[in-house]
């Protein structure tokens, strides 16, 4: 079984983004806020309103850490 994300962990939301909320097309870096039946809810930094959750996302769309599509760590 794959190493599943944990609440509070920093993750990168992976594509496809076409059916996600518009902000995810620009901000892929998030924090896991909670586990739900359909996957994981996430929070983005610096959005309005604050503490808004997005999701649910299946675990295969969440990569551990904040990395770009080439696998480099975000600066």
PDB file of N, CA and C in Angstrom:
ATOM      1  N   UNK A   1       0.844  -1.187   0.000  1.00  0.00           N
ATOM      2  CA  UNK A   1       0.000   0.000   0.000  1.00  0.00           C
ATOM      3  C   UNK A   1       0.889   1.250   0.000  1.00  0.00           C
ATOM      4  N   UNK A   2       0.516   2.235  -0.778  1.00  0.00           N
ATOM      5  CA  UNK A   2       1.282   3.480  -0.891  1.00  0.00           C
ATOM      6  C   UNK A   2       1.253   4.257   0.421  1.00  0.00           C
ATOM      7  N   UNK A   3       2.248   5.083   0.597  1.00  0.00           N
ATOM      8  CA  UNK A   3       2.328   5.952   1.766  1.00  0.00           C
ATOM      9  C   UNK A   3       1.300   7.073   1.605  1.00  0.00           C
ATOM     10  N   UNK A   4       0.200   7.003   2.320  1.00  0.00           N
ATOM     11  CA  UNK A   4      -0.895   7.952   2.175  1.00  0.00           C
ATOM     12  C   UNK A   4      -0.579   9.274   2.869  1.00  0.00           C
ATOM     13  N   UNK A   5      -1.124  10.379   2.342  1.00  0.00           N
ATOM     14  CA  UNK A   5      -0.918  11.682   2.987  1.00  0.00           C
ATOM     15  C   UNK A   5      -1.506  11.703   4.395  1.00  0.00           C
ATOM     16  N   UNK A   6      -0.933  12.536   5.228  1.00  0.00           N
ATOM     17  CA  UNK A   6      -1.401  12.687   6.602  1.00  0.00           C
ATOM     18  C   UNK A   6      -1.928  14.112   6.800  1.00  0.00           C
ATOM     19  N   UNK A   7      -2.856  14.272   7.710  1.00  0.00           N
ATOM     20  CA  UNK A   7      -3.392  15.589   8.027  1.00  0.00           C
ATOM     21  C   UNK A   7      -2.252  16.488   8.479  1.00  0.00           C
ATOM     22  N   UNK A   8      -2.198  17.700   7.920  1.00  0.00           N
ATOM     23  CA  UNK A   8      -1.149  18.651   8.240  1.00  0.00           C
ATOM     24  C   UNK A   8       0.046  18.581   7.313  1.00  0.00           C
ATOM     25  N   UNK A   9       0.116  17.559   6.467  1.00  0.00           N
ATOM     26  CA  UNK A   9       1.246  17.390   5.562  1.00  0.00           C
ATOM     27  C   UNK A   9       1.145  18.348   4.373  1.00  0.00           C
ATOM     28  N   UNK A  10       2.292  18.848   3.926  1.00  0.00           N
ATOM     29  CA  UNK A  10       2.363  19.652   2.705  1.00  0.00           C
ATOM     30  C   UNK A  10       2.349  18.707   1.525  1.00  0.00           C
ATOM     31  N   UNK A  11       1.496  19.021   0.538  1.00  0.00           N
ATOM     32  CA  UNK A  11       1.372  18.195  -0.653  1.00  0.00           C
ATOM     33  C   UNK A  11       1.320  19.068  -1.904  1.00  0.00           C
ATOM     34  N   UNK A  12       1.630  18.449  -3.042  1.00  0.00           N
ATOM     35  CA  UNK A  12       1.461  19.076  -4.340  1.00  0.00           C
ATOM     36  C   UNK A  12       0.285  18.398  -5.015  1.00  0.00           C
ATOM     37  N   UNK A  13      -0.696  19.184  -5.456  1.00  0.00           N
ATOM     38  CA  UNK A  13      -1.848  18.644  -6.166  1.00  0.00           C
ATOM     39  C   UNK A  13      -1.429  18.419  -7.615  1.00  0.00           C
ATOM     40  N   UNK A  14      -1.605  17.200  -8.087  1.00  0.00           N
ATOM     41  CA  UNK A  14      -1.194  16.817  -9.436  1.00  0.00           C
ATOM     42  C   UNK A  14      -2.336  16.991 -10.431  1.00  0.00           C
ATOM     43  N   UNK A  15      -1.988  17.175 -11.728  1.00  0.00           N
ATOM     44  CA  UNK A  15      -3.024  17.314 -12.753  1.00  0.00           C
ATOM     45  C   UNK A  15      -3.803  16.012 -12.911  1.00  0.00           C
ATOM     46  N   UNK A  16      -4.931  16.075 -13.585  1.00  0.00           N
ATOM     47  CA  UNK A  16      -5.467  17.163 -14.404  1.00  0.00           C
ATOM     48  C   UNK A  16      -6.212  18.191 -13.553  1.00  0.00           C
ATOM     49  N   UNK A  17      -6.165  19.447 -13.965  1.00  0.00           N
ATOM     50  CA  UNK A  17      -6.777  20.547 -13.222  1.00  0.00           C
ATOM     51  C   UNK A  17      -8.075  21.044 -13.857  1.00  0.00           C
ATOM     52  N   UNK A  18      -8.459  20.503 -15.010  1.00  0.00           N
ATOM     53  CA  UNK A  18      -9.592  21.035 -15.765  1.00  0.00           C
ATOM     54  C   UNK A  18     -10.893  21.092 -14.970  1.00  0.00           C
ATOM     55  N   UNK A  19     -11.119  20.143 -14.081  1.00  0.00           N
ATOM     56  CA  UNK A  19     -12.383  20.116 -13.344  1.00  0.00           C
ATOM     57  C   UNK A  19     -12.236  20.626 -11.913  1.00  0.00           C
ATOM     58  N   UNK A  20     -11.059  21.105 -11.559  1.00  0.00           N
ATOM     59  CA  UNK A  20     -10.829  21.654 -10.215  1.00  0.00           C
ATOM     60  C   UNK A  20     -11.230  23.126 -10.174  1.00  0.00           C
ATOM     61  N   UNK A  21     -11.299  23.673  -8.974  1.00  0.00           N
ATOM     62  CA  UNK A  21     -11.549  25.105  -8.839  1.00  0.00           C
ATOM     63  C   UNK A  21     -10.415  25.860  -9.527  1.00  0.00           C
ATOM     64  N   UNK A  22     -10.706  27.028 -10.052  1.00  0.00           N
ATOM     65  CA  UNK A  22      -9.781  27.791 -10.885  1.00  0.00           C
ATOM     66  C   UNK A  22      -8.445  28.080 -10.198  1.00  0.00           C
ATOM     67  N   UNK A  23      -8.464  28.351  -8.897  1.00  0.00           N
ATOM     68  CA  UNK A  23      -7.233  28.711  -8.172  1.00  0.00           C
ATOM     69  C   UNK A  23      -6.195  27.597  -8.264  1.00  0.00           C
ATOM     70  N   UNK A  24      -6.609  26.345  -8.383  1.00  0.00           N
ATOM     71  CA  UNK A  24      -5.654  25.235  -8.451  1.00  0.00           C
ATOM     72  C   UNK A  24      -4.860  25.213  -9.751  1.00  0.00           C
ATOM     73  N   UNK A  25      -5.324  25.922 -10.771  1.00  0.00           N
ATOM     74  CA  UNK A  25      -4.545  26.025 -12.000  1.00  0.00           C
ATOM     75  C   UNK A  25      -3.269  26.833 -11.763  1.00  0.00           C
ATOM     76  N   UNK A  26      -3.246  27.639 -10.699  1.00  0.00           N
ATOM     77  CA  UNK A  26      -2.108  28.507 -10.405  1.00  0.00           C
ATOM     78  C   UNK A  26      -1.373  28.131  -9.129  1.00  0.00           C
ATOM     79  N   UNK A  27      -2.082  27.567  -8.170  1.00  0.00           N
ATOM     80  CA  UNK A  27      -1.475  27.244  -6.878  1.00  0.00           C
ATOM     81  C   UNK A  27      -1.684  25.757  -6.602  1.00  0.00           C
ATOM     82  N   UNK A  28      -0.639  24.974  -6.814  1.00  0.00           N
ATOM     83  CA  UNK A  28      -0.727  23.522  -6.648  1.00  0.00           C
ATOM     84  C   UNK A  28      -0.279  23.053  -5.274  1.00  0.00           C
ATOM     85  N   UNK A  29       0.300  23.958  -4.488  1.00  0.00           N
ATOM     86  CA  UNK A  29       0.870  23.580  -3.194  1.00  0.00           C
ATOM     87  C   UNK A  29      -0.160  23.788  -2.105  1.00  0.00           C
ATOM     88  N   UNK A  30      -0.365  22.767  -1.285  1.00  0.00           N
ATOM     89  CA  UNK A  30      -1.440  22.799  -0.305  1.00  0.00           C
ATOM     90  C   UNK A  30      -1.035  22.052   0.960  1.00  0.00           C
ATOM     91  N   UNK A  31      -1.923  22.117   1.941  1.00  0.00           N
ATOM     92  CA  UNK A  31      -1.777  21.371   3.186  1.00  0.00           C
ATOM     93  C   UNK A  31      -3.010  20.496   3.349  1.00  0.00           C
ATOM     94  N   UNK A  32      -2.822  19.238   3.692  1.00  0.00           N
ATOM     95  CA  UNK A  32      -3.948  18.336   3.921  1.00  0.00           C
ATOM     96  C   UNK A  32      -4.664  18.781   5.185  1.00  0.00           C
ATOM     97  N   UNK A  33      -5.971  19.069   5.056  1.00  0.00           N
ATOM     98  CA  UNK A  33      -6.720  19.533   6.222  1.00  0.00           C
ATOM     99  C   UNK A  33      -7.478  18.418   6.925  1.00  0.00           C
ATOM    100  N   UNK A  34      -7.955  17.437   6.146  1.00  0.00           N
ATOM    101  CA  UNK A  34      -8.649  16.305   6.781  1.00  0.00           C
ATOM    102  C   UNK A  34      -8.896  15.201   5.767  1.00  0.00           C
ATOM    103  N   UNK A  35      -9.153  14.019   6.297  1.00  0.00           N
ATOM    104  CA  UNK A  35      -9.487  12.833   5.494  1.00  0.00           C
ATOM    105  C   UNK A  35     -10.994  12.716   5.469  1.00  0.00           C
ATOM    106  N   UNK A  36     -11.566  12.443   4.296  1.00  0.00           N
ATOM    107  CA  UNK A  36     -12.999  12.195   4.140  1.00  0.00           C
ATOM    108  C   UNK A  36     -13.175  10.889   3.384  1.00  0.00           C
ATOM    109  N   UNK A  37     -14.414  10.420   3.275  1.00  0.00           N
ATOM    110  CA  UNK A  37     -14.675   9.132   2.612  1.00  0.00           C
ATOM    111  C   UNK A  37     -14.153   9.086   1.185  1.00  0.00           C
ATOM    112  N   UNK A  38     -14.238  10.202   0.448  1.00  0.00           N
ATOM    113  CA  UNK A  38     -13.849  10.227  -0.963  1.00  0.00           C
ATOM    114  C   UNK A  38     -12.393  10.603  -1.198  1.00  0.00           C
ATOM    115  N   UNK A  39     -11.621  10.836  -0.156  1.00  0.00           N
ATOM    116  CA  UNK A  39     -10.220  11.214  -0.326  1.00  0.00           C
ATOM    117  C   UNK A  39      -9.757  12.186   0.737  1.00  0.00           C
ATOM    118  N   UNK A  40      -9.162  13.302   0.287  1.00  0.00           N
ATOM    119  CA  UNK A  40      -8.572  14.280   1.199  1.00  0.00           C
ATOM    120  C   UNK A  40      -9.022  15.686   0.856  1.00  0.00           C
ATOM    121  N   UNK A  41      -9.296  16.456   1.876  1.00  0.00           N
ATOM    122  CA  UNK A  41      -9.573  17.877   1.719  1.00  0.00           C
ATOM    123  C   UNK A  41      -8.263  18.614   1.947  1.00  0.00           C
ATOM    124  N   UNK A  42      -8.061  19.709   1.198  1.00  0.00           N
ATOM    125  CA  UNK A  42      -6.824  20.480   1.311  1.00  0.00           C
ATOM    126  C   UNK A  42      -7.141  21.945   1.560  1.00  0.00           C
ATOM    127  N   UNK A  43      -6.122  22.669   2.045  1.00  0.00           N
ATOM    128  CA  UNK A  43      -6.189  24.122   2.201  1.00  0.00           C
ATOM    129  C   UNK A  43      -5.012  24.723   1.460  1.00  0.00           C
ATOM    130  N   UNK A  44      -5.282  25.815   0.757  1.00  0.00           N
ATOM    131  CA  UNK A  44      -4.231  26.562   0.078  1.00  0.00           C
ATOM    132  C   UNK A  44      -3.810  27.719   0.958  1.00  0.00           C
ATOM    133  N   UNK A  45      -2.549  28.117   0.848  1.00  0.00           N
ATOM    134  CA  UNK A  45      -2.056  29.269   1.601  1.00  0.00           C
ATOM    135  C   UNK A  45      -2.493  30.553   0.908  1.00  0.00           C
ATOM    136  N   UNK A  46      -2.755  31.564   1.677  1.00  0.00           N
ATOM    137  CA  UNK A  46      -3.003  32.915   1.165  1.00  0.00           C
ATOM    138  C   UNK A  46      -4.143  33.004   0.166  1.00  0.00           C
ATOM    139  N   UNK A  47      -5.283  32.437   0.489  1.00  0.00           N
ATOM    140  CA  UNK A  47      -6.469  32.605  -0.345  1.00  0.00           C
ATOM    141  C   UNK A  47      -7.551  33.284   0.480  1.00  0.00           C
ATOM    142  N   UNK A  48      -8.513  33.849  -0.211  1.00  0.00           N
ATOM    143  CA  UNK A  48      -9.634  34.495   0.463  1.00  0.00           C
ATOM    144  C   UNK A  48     -10.905  33.808   0.022  1.00  0.00           C
ATOM    145  N   UNK A  49     -11.771  33.403   0.905  1.00  0.00           N
ATOM    146  CA  UNK A  49     -11.683  33.547   2.353  1.00  0.00           C
ATOM    147  C   UNK A  49     -10.677  32.570   2.949  1.00  0.00           C
ATOM    148  N   UNK A  50     -10.072  32.952   4.076  1.00  0.00           N
ATOM    149  CA  UNK A  50      -9.090  32.070   4.715  1.00  0.00           C
ATOM    150  C   UNK A  50      -9.750  30.785   5.217  1.00  0.00           C
ATOM    151  N   UNK A  51      -8.949  29.750   5.314  1.00  0.00           N
ATOM    152  CA  UNK A  51      -9.368  28.440   5.836  1.00  0.00           C
ATOM    153  C   UNK A  51     -10.395  27.729   4.965  1.00  0.00           C
ATOM    154  N   UNK A  52     -10.575  28.162   3.717  1.00  0.00           N
ATOM    155  CA  UNK A  52     -11.483  27.463   2.818  1.00  0.00           C
ATOM    156  C   UNK A  52     -10.849  26.138   2.394  1.00  0.00           C
ATOM    157  N   UNK A  53     -11.655  25.083   2.422  1.00  0.00           N
ATOM    158  CA  UNK A  53     -11.170  23.768   2.016  1.00  0.00           C
ATOM    159  C   UNK A  53     -11.554  23.499   0.561  1.00  0.00           C
ATOM    160  N   UNK A  54     -10.722  22.708  -0.110  1.00  0.00           N
ATOM    161  CA  UNK A  54     -10.975  22.296  -1.482  1.00  0.00           C
ATOM    162  C   UNK A  54     -10.882  20.780  -1.542  1.00  0.00           C
ATOM    163  N   UNK A  55     -11.651  20.183  -2.433  1.00  0.00           N
ATOM    164  CA  UNK A  55     -11.592  18.742  -2.573  1.00  0.00           C
ATOM    165  C   UNK A  55     -12.979  18.150  -2.602  1.00  0.00           C
ATOM    166  N   UNK A  56     -13.061  16.864  -2.423  1.00  0.00           N
ATOM    167  CA  UNK A  56     -12.007  15.933  -2.041  1.00  0.00           C
ATOM    168  C   UNK A  56     -11.134  15.517  -3.222  1.00  0.00           C
ATOM    169  N   UNK A  57      -9.887  15.137  -2.902  1.00  0.00           N
ATOM    170  CA  UNK A  57      -8.917  14.661  -3.880  1.00  0.00           C
ATOM    171  C   UNK A  57      -8.527  13.231  -3.532  1.00  0.00           C
ATOM    172  N   UNK A  58      -8.465  12.355  -4.529  1.00  0.00           N
ATOM    173  CA  UNK A  58      -7.994  10.999  -4.252  1.00  0.00           C
ATOM    174  C   UNK A  58      -6.498  11.038  -3.933  1.00  0.00           C
ATOM    175  N   UNK A  59      -5.997  10.082  -3.169  1.00  0.00           N
ATOM    176  CA  UNK A  59      -4.587  10.114  -2.762  1.00  0.00           C
ATOM    177  C   UNK A  59      -3.608  10.124  -3.926  1.00  0.00           C
ATOM    178  N   UNK A  60      -3.973   9.551  -5.071  1.00  0.00           N
ATOM    179  CA  UNK A  60      -3.050   9.532  -6.209  1.00  0.00           C
ATOM    180  C   UNK A  60      -2.859  10.903  -6.861  1.00  0.00           C
ATOM    181  N   UNK A  61      -3.682  11.886  -6.497  1.00  0.00           N
ATOM    182  CA  UNK A  61      -3.500  13.251  -7.015  1.00  0.00           C
ATOM    183  C   UNK A  61      -2.674  14.112  -6.078  1.00  0.00           C
ATOM    184  N   UNK A  62      -2.234  13.561  -4.957  1.00  0.00           N
ATOM    185  CA  UNK A  62      -1.461  14.329  -3.985  1.00  0.00           C
ATOM    186  C   UNK A  62      -0.057  13.741  -3.850  1.00  0.00           C
ATOM    187  N   UNK A  63       0.948  14.530  -4.233  1.00  0.00           N
ATOM    188  CA  UNK A  63       2.346  14.115  -4.079  1.00  0.00           C
ATOM    189  C   UNK A  63       2.877  14.687  -2.771  1.00  0.00           C
ATOM    190  N   UNK A  64       3.664  13.906  -2.059  1.00  0.00           N
ATOM    191  CA  UNK A  64       4.234  14.362  -0.799  1.00  0.00           C
ATOM    192  C   UNK A  64       5.183  15.540  -1.038  1.00  0.00           C
ATOM    193  N   UNK A  65       5.074  16.562  -0.240  1.00  0.00           N
ATOM    194  CA  UNK A  65       5.955  17.721  -0.328  1.00  0.00           C
ATOM    195  C   UNK A  65       5.487  18.715  -1.379  1.00  0.00           C
ATOM    196  N   UNK A  66       6.232  19.802  -1.477  1.00  0.00           N
ATOM    197  CA  UNK A  66       5.908  20.851  -2.444  1.00  0.00           C
ATOM    198  C   UNK A  66       6.914  20.775  -3.565  1.00  0.00           C
ATOM    199  N   UNK A  67       6.564  20.064  -4.653  1.00  0.00           N
ATOM    200  CA  UNK A  67       7.456  19.861  -5.789  1.00  0.00           C
ATOM    201  C   UNK A  67       6.765  20.293  -7.073  1.00  0.00           C
ATOM    202  N   UNK A  68       7.555  20.729  -8.047  1.00  0.00           N
ATOM    203  CA  UNK A  68       6.988  21.070  -9.348  1.00  0.00           C
ATOM    204  C   UNK A  68       6.848  19.810 -10.199  1.00  0.00           C
ATOM    205  N   UNK A  69       6.337  19.958 -11.429  1.00  0.00           N
ATOM    206  CA  UNK A  69       6.098  18.794 -12.287  1.00  0.00           C
ATOM    207  C   UNK A  69       7.377  18.053 -12.660  1.00  0.00           C
ATOM    208  N   UNK A  70       8.521  18.731 -12.569  1.00  0.00           N
ATOM    209  CA  UNK A  70       9.818  18.098 -12.875  1.00  0.00           C
ATOM    210  C   UNK A  70      10.406  17.408 -11.647  1.00  0.00           C
ATOM    211  N   UNK A  71       9.723  17.472 -10.516  1.00  0.00           N
ATOM    212  CA  UNK A  71      10.212  16.825  -9.316  1.00  0.00           C
ATOM    213  C   UNK A  71      11.150  17.669  -8.468  1.00  0.00           C
ATOM    214  N   UNK A  72      11.354  18.935  -8.831  1.00  0.00           N
ATOM    215  CA  UNK A  72      12.222  19.831  -8.047  1.00  0.00           C
ATOM    216  C   UNK A  72      11.443  20.399  -6.867  1.00  0.00           C
ATOM    217  N   UNK A  73      12.117  20.550  -5.750  1.00  0.00           N
ATOM    218  CA  UNK A  73      11.489  21.154  -4.575  1.00  0.00           C
ATOM    219  C   UNK A  73      11.206  22.604  -4.840  1.00  0.00           C
ATOM    220  N   UNK A  74      10.066  23.064  -4.376  1.00  0.00           N
ATOM    221  CA  UNK A  74       9.687  24.469  -4.512  1.00  0.00           C
ATOM    222  C   UNK A  74      10.611  25.324  -3.661  1.00  0.00           C
ATOM    223  N   UNK A  75      11.041  26.440  -4.209  1.00  0.00           N
ATOM    224  CA  UNK A  75      11.960  27.335  -3.488  1.00  0.00           C
ATOM    225  C   UNK A  75      11.226  28.159  -2.459  1.00  0.00           C
TER     226      UNK A  75
END
